Amino acid sequence: MATNFDDIFSAAKQPEQSAEQPKTKNPAGKPQTAPQELPPKPDPWATMQPEEKAATIRLNVDIPVDLNDKLAERARTLRTSKSDLVRKLLEWALE
């Protein structure tokens, strides 16, 4: 949205015309410089390496609802996930 202030400020600042940036007229009749090509931005993900994780296997087990409730309650008490708790219990049981 152009205002009268835009006309005043653009008239006050008239940069010198150079051969590299020829001035053109936009539909409103105001002089503007030709767009310059910006340098490519660096890729922010280039330095990040994926985390090395141990190979895992998904295991689906059906358990009764009341056992799931006990597992969920214990996980909440220990402030951990049910998956972490089951992994620790399996490791403990298999030692």
N, C-alpha and C. Protein backbone atom coordinates (compact mmCIF):
# COMPACT_ATOMS: atom_id res chain seq x y z
N MET A 1 0.85 -1.16 0.00
CA MET A 1 0.00 0.00 0.00
C MET A 1 0.90 1.23 0.00
N ALA A 2 0.91 1.95 -1.10
CA ALA A 2 1.75 3.14 -1.21
C ALA A 2 1.06 4.32 -0.55
N THR A 3 1.85 5.17 0.07
CA THR A 3 1.32 6.38 0.71
C THR A 3 2.08 7.57 0.18
N ASN A 4 1.67 8.74 0.58
CA ASN A 4 2.38 9.96 0.19
C ASN A 4 3.79 9.97 0.76
N PHE A 5 3.98 9.33 1.93
CA PHE A 5 5.31 9.26 2.52
C PHE A 5 6.26 8.49 1.62
N ASP A 6 5.76 7.42 0.97
CA ASP A 6 6.61 6.65 0.07
C ASP A 6 7.13 7.55 -1.06
N ASP A 7 6.26 8.42 -1.60
CA ASP A 7 6.69 9.33 -2.67
C ASP A 7 7.72 10.34 -2.16
N ILE A 8 7.51 10.84 -0.96
CA ILE A 8 8.43 11.84 -0.39
C ILE A 8 9.80 11.21 -0.14
N PHE A 9 9.82 10.04 0.51
CA PHE A 9 11.09 9.40 0.83
C PHE A 9 11.82 8.92 -0.42
N SER A 10 11.10 8.41 -1.41
CA SER A 10 11.77 7.96 -2.62
C SER A 10 12.31 9.15 -3.41
N ALA A 11 11.66 10.30 -3.34
CA ALA A 11 12.16 11.49 -4.04
C ALA A 11 13.38 12.06 -3.33
N ALA A 12 13.43 11.91 -1.99
CA ALA A 12 14.56 12.46 -1.24
C ALA A 12 15.82 11.64 -1.47
N LYS A 13 15.69 10.38 -1.71
CA LYS A 13 16.85 9.51 -1.91
C LYS A 13 16.90 9.08 -3.37
N GLN A 14 17.68 9.73 -4.16
CA GLN A 14 17.87 9.38 -5.55
C GLN A 14 19.30 8.88 -5.73
N PRO A 15 19.55 7.56 -5.66
CA PRO A 15 20.91 7.05 -5.83
C PRO A 15 21.39 7.30 -7.25
N GLU A 16 22.72 7.39 -7.36
CA GLU A 16 23.30 7.61 -8.68
C GLU A 16 23.09 6.39 -9.54
N GLN A 17 22.80 6.62 -10.82
CA GLN A 17 22.57 5.53 -11.75
C GLN A 17 23.92 4.99 -12.21
N SER A 18 24.07 3.66 -12.17
CA SER A 18 25.32 3.05 -12.62
C SER A 18 25.04 2.20 -13.84
N ALA A 19 26.11 1.84 -14.54
CA ALA A 19 25.96 1.03 -15.74
C ALA A 19 25.55 -0.40 -15.38
N GLU A 20 25.89 -0.87 -14.17
CA GLU A 20 25.58 -2.23 -13.77
C GLU A 20 24.10 -2.40 -13.41
N GLN A 21 23.47 -1.35 -12.89
CA GLN A 21 22.09 -1.43 -12.48
C GLN A 21 21.27 -0.40 -13.25
N PRO A 22 20.82 -0.74 -14.45
CA PRO A 22 20.02 0.22 -15.21
C PRO A 22 18.66 0.43 -14.54
N LYS A 23 18.20 1.67 -14.56
CA LYS A 23 16.91 1.98 -13.96
C LYS A 23 15.81 1.69 -14.96
N THR A 24 14.72 1.15 -14.44
CA THR A 24 13.56 0.87 -15.26
C THR A 24 12.37 1.54 -14.60
N LYS A 25 11.30 1.63 -15.30
CA LYS A 25 10.08 2.23 -14.75
C LYS A 25 9.09 1.12 -14.44
N ASN A 26 8.52 1.14 -13.24
CA ASN A 26 7.48 0.18 -12.90
C ASN A 26 6.13 0.75 -13.34
N PRO A 27 5.05 -0.01 -13.22
CA PRO A 27 3.76 0.50 -13.68
C PRO A 27 3.33 1.80 -13.04
N ALA A 28 3.79 2.11 -11.84
CA ALA A 28 3.42 3.37 -11.18
C ALA A 28 4.26 4.53 -11.69
N GLY A 29 5.25 4.27 -12.53
CA GLY A 29 6.08 5.32 -13.09
C GLY A 29 7.26 5.69 -12.23
N LYS A 30 7.50 4.97 -11.14
CA LYS A 30 8.61 5.29 -10.26
C LYS A 30 9.85 4.56 -10.75
N PRO A 31 11.02 5.20 -10.69
CA PRO A 31 12.23 4.51 -11.10
C PRO A 31 12.60 3.42 -10.10
N GLN A 32 13.11 2.31 -10.60
CA GLN A 32 13.57 1.23 -9.73
C GLN A 32 14.78 0.57 -10.38
N THR A 33 15.59 -0.04 -9.55
CA THR A 33 16.78 -0.69 -10.07
C THR A 33 16.42 -2.11 -10.48
N ALA A 34 17.17 -2.65 -11.42
CA ALA A 34 16.95 -4.02 -11.86
C ALA A 34 17.33 -4.96 -10.71
N PRO A 35 16.60 -6.04 -10.52
CA PRO A 35 16.92 -6.94 -9.41
C PRO A 35 18.28 -7.60 -9.60
N GLN A 36 19.01 -7.70 -8.49
CA GLN A 36 20.31 -8.34 -8.53
C GLN A 36 20.17 -9.76 -8.04
N GLU A 37 21.02 -10.64 -8.53
CA GLU A 37 21.00 -12.02 -8.10
C GLU A 37 21.70 -12.13 -6.75
N LEU A 38 21.03 -12.75 -5.78
CA LEU A 38 21.59 -12.92 -4.45
C LEU A 38 22.51 -14.13 -4.43
N PRO A 39 23.54 -14.09 -3.60
CA PRO A 39 24.41 -15.28 -3.49
C PRO A 39 23.62 -16.42 -2.86
N PRO A 40 23.96 -17.66 -3.19
CA PRO A 40 23.21 -18.78 -2.62
C PRO A 40 23.42 -18.87 -1.11
N LYS A 41 22.35 -19.21 -0.42
CA LYS A 41 22.42 -19.33 1.04
C LYS A 41 23.08 -20.67 1.38
N PRO A 42 23.88 -20.69 2.46
CA PRO A 42 24.49 -21.96 2.86
C PRO A 42 23.42 -22.92 3.37
N ASP A 43 23.63 -24.20 3.17
CA ASP A 43 22.69 -25.22 3.61
C ASP A 43 22.87 -25.44 5.11
N PRO A 44 21.84 -25.14 5.94
CA PRO A 44 21.99 -25.28 7.39
C PRO A 44 22.10 -26.74 7.83
N TRP A 45 21.70 -27.67 6.99
CA TRP A 45 21.72 -29.08 7.35
C TRP A 45 23.02 -29.76 6.94
N ALA A 46 23.89 -29.07 6.21
CA ALA A 46 25.10 -29.70 5.68
C ALA A 46 26.04 -30.19 6.78
N THR A 47 26.09 -29.50 7.91
CA THR A 47 27.03 -29.87 8.97
C THR A 47 26.46 -30.92 9.92
N MET A 48 25.17 -31.17 9.84
CA MET A 48 24.55 -32.12 10.77
C MET A 48 24.71 -33.54 10.26
N GLN A 49 25.12 -34.41 11.13
CA GLN A 49 25.28 -35.82 10.81
C GLN A 49 24.15 -36.60 11.48
N PRO A 50 23.63 -37.62 10.82
CA PRO A 50 22.59 -38.41 11.48
C PRO A 50 23.17 -39.16 12.67
N GLU A 51 22.34 -39.30 13.70
CA GLU A 51 22.79 -40.01 14.90
C GLU A 51 22.95 -41.48 14.58
N GLU A 52 24.03 -42.05 15.10
CA GLU A 52 24.22 -43.48 14.92
C GLU A 52 23.45 -44.19 16.03
N LYS A 53 22.51 -45.01 15.62
CA LYS A 53 21.70 -45.74 16.58
C LYS A 53 21.98 -47.22 16.43
N ALA A 54 21.82 -47.92 17.53
CA ALA A 54 21.97 -49.37 17.48
C ALA A 54 20.81 -49.93 16.65
N ALA A 55 21.08 -51.00 15.96
CA ALA A 55 20.03 -51.64 15.18
C ALA A 55 18.91 -52.09 16.12
N THR A 56 17.69 -51.88 15.71
CA THR A 56 16.55 -52.25 16.55
C THR A 56 15.57 -53.09 15.74
N ILE A 57 14.73 -53.80 16.47
CA ILE A 57 13.66 -54.61 15.87
C ILE A 57 12.39 -54.27 16.62
N ARG A 58 11.32 -54.05 15.88
CA ARG A 58 10.03 -53.75 16.51
C ARG A 58 9.40 -55.05 16.95
N LEU A 59 8.88 -55.04 18.19
CA LEU A 59 8.24 -56.21 18.76
C LEU A 59 6.85 -55.80 19.21
N ASN A 60 5.84 -56.45 18.68
CA ASN A 60 4.46 -56.17 19.08
C ASN A 60 4.00 -57.28 19.99
N VAL A 61 3.50 -56.90 21.16
CA VAL A 61 3.05 -57.88 22.14
C VAL A 61 1.67 -57.46 22.62
N ASP A 62 0.75 -58.42 22.66
CA ASP A 62 -0.58 -58.15 23.21
C ASP A 62 -0.54 -58.44 24.70
N ILE A 63 -0.99 -57.46 25.50
CA ILE A 63 -1.04 -57.65 26.96
C ILE A 63 -2.43 -57.26 27.45
N PRO A 64 -2.85 -57.80 28.59
CA PRO A 64 -4.16 -57.43 29.14
C PRO A 64 -4.20 -55.95 29.53
N VAL A 65 -5.38 -55.39 29.52
CA VAL A 65 -5.57 -53.97 29.81
C VAL A 65 -5.06 -53.62 31.20
N ASP A 66 -5.35 -54.45 32.20
CA ASP A 66 -4.90 -54.11 33.56
C ASP A 66 -3.38 -54.18 33.69
N LEU A 67 -2.72 -55.04 32.92
CA LEU A 67 -1.25 -55.05 32.93
C LEU A 67 -0.71 -53.79 32.26
N ASN A 68 -1.36 -53.34 31.20
CA ASN A 68 -0.97 -52.09 30.54
C ASN A 68 -1.15 -50.91 31.49
N ASP A 69 -2.23 -50.92 32.27
CA ASP A 69 -2.47 -49.85 33.24
C ASP A 69 -1.37 -49.80 34.29
N LYS A 70 -0.95 -50.98 34.77
CA LYS A 70 0.13 -51.04 35.76
C LYS A 70 1.44 -50.54 35.15
N LEU A 71 1.69 -50.95 33.92
CA LEU A 71 2.90 -50.52 33.22
C LEU A 71 2.91 -49.00 33.02
N ALA A 72 1.77 -48.46 32.60
CA ALA A 72 1.66 -47.02 32.38
C ALA A 72 1.85 -46.25 33.68
N GLU A 73 1.26 -46.74 34.76
CA GLU A 73 1.40 -46.08 36.07
C GLU A 73 2.84 -46.09 36.54
N ARG A 74 3.53 -47.23 36.40
CA ARG A 74 4.93 -47.31 36.81
C ARG A 74 5.79 -46.40 35.95
N ALA A 75 5.52 -46.33 34.64
CA ALA A 75 6.28 -45.45 33.75
C ALA A 75 6.09 -43.99 34.15
N ARG A 76 4.86 -43.61 34.50
CA ARG A 76 4.60 -42.23 34.96
C ARG A 76 5.37 -41.95 36.24
N THR A 77 5.35 -42.91 37.17
CA THR A 77 6.05 -42.74 38.44
C THR A 77 7.55 -42.54 38.21
N LEU A 78 8.11 -43.31 37.30
CA LEU A 78 9.54 -43.22 37.01
C LEU A 78 9.89 -42.14 35.98
N ARG A 79 8.87 -41.47 35.48
CA ARG A 79 9.04 -40.41 34.47
C ARG A 79 9.83 -40.90 33.26
N THR A 80 9.37 -42.01 32.73
CA THR A 80 9.98 -42.59 31.54
C THR A 80 8.85 -43.10 30.65
N SER A 81 9.20 -43.57 29.47
CA SER A 81 8.17 -44.10 28.57
C SER A 81 7.95 -45.58 28.87
N LYS A 82 6.79 -46.06 28.45
CA LYS A 82 6.51 -47.48 28.62
C LYS A 82 7.51 -48.32 27.84
N SER A 83 7.91 -47.87 26.67
CA SER A 83 8.89 -48.62 25.86
C SER A 83 10.21 -48.75 26.59
N ASP A 84 10.70 -47.65 27.17
CA ASP A 84 11.96 -47.71 27.92
C ASP A 84 11.84 -48.64 29.12
N LEU A 85 10.71 -48.58 29.80
CA LEU A 85 10.50 -49.42 30.95
C LEU A 85 10.48 -50.90 30.55
N VAL A 86 9.80 -51.23 29.47
CA VAL A 86 9.76 -52.62 29.01
C VAL A 86 11.15 -53.09 28.61
N ARG A 87 11.93 -52.25 27.92
CA ARG A 87 13.30 -52.63 27.55
C ARG A 87 14.13 -52.94 28.80
N LYS A 88 14.02 -52.08 29.81
CA LYS A 88 14.79 -52.30 31.05
C LYS A 88 14.34 -53.56 31.76
N LEU A 89 13.04 -53.80 31.78
CA LEU A 89 12.52 -55.01 32.43
C LEU A 89 12.98 -56.26 31.69
N LEU A 90 12.99 -56.23 30.37
CA LEU A 90 13.46 -57.38 29.59
C LEU A 90 14.95 -57.64 29.83
N GLU A 91 15.74 -56.58 29.85
CA GLU A 91 17.17 -56.74 30.12
C GLU A 91 17.39 -57.34 31.52
N TRP A 92 16.65 -56.83 32.50
CA TRP A 92 16.77 -57.32 33.87
C TRP A 92 16.37 -58.81 33.95
N ALA A 93 15.26 -59.15 33.27
CA ALA A 93 14.75 -60.53 33.34
C ALA A 93 15.69 -61.50 32.61
N LEU A 94 16.39 -61.05 31.60
CA LEU A 94 17.24 -61.95 30.81
C LEU A 94 18.67 -62.02 31.32
N GLU A 95 19.02 -61.28 32.35
CA GLU A 95 20.39 -61.36 32.91
C GLU A 95 20.56 -62.59 33.75
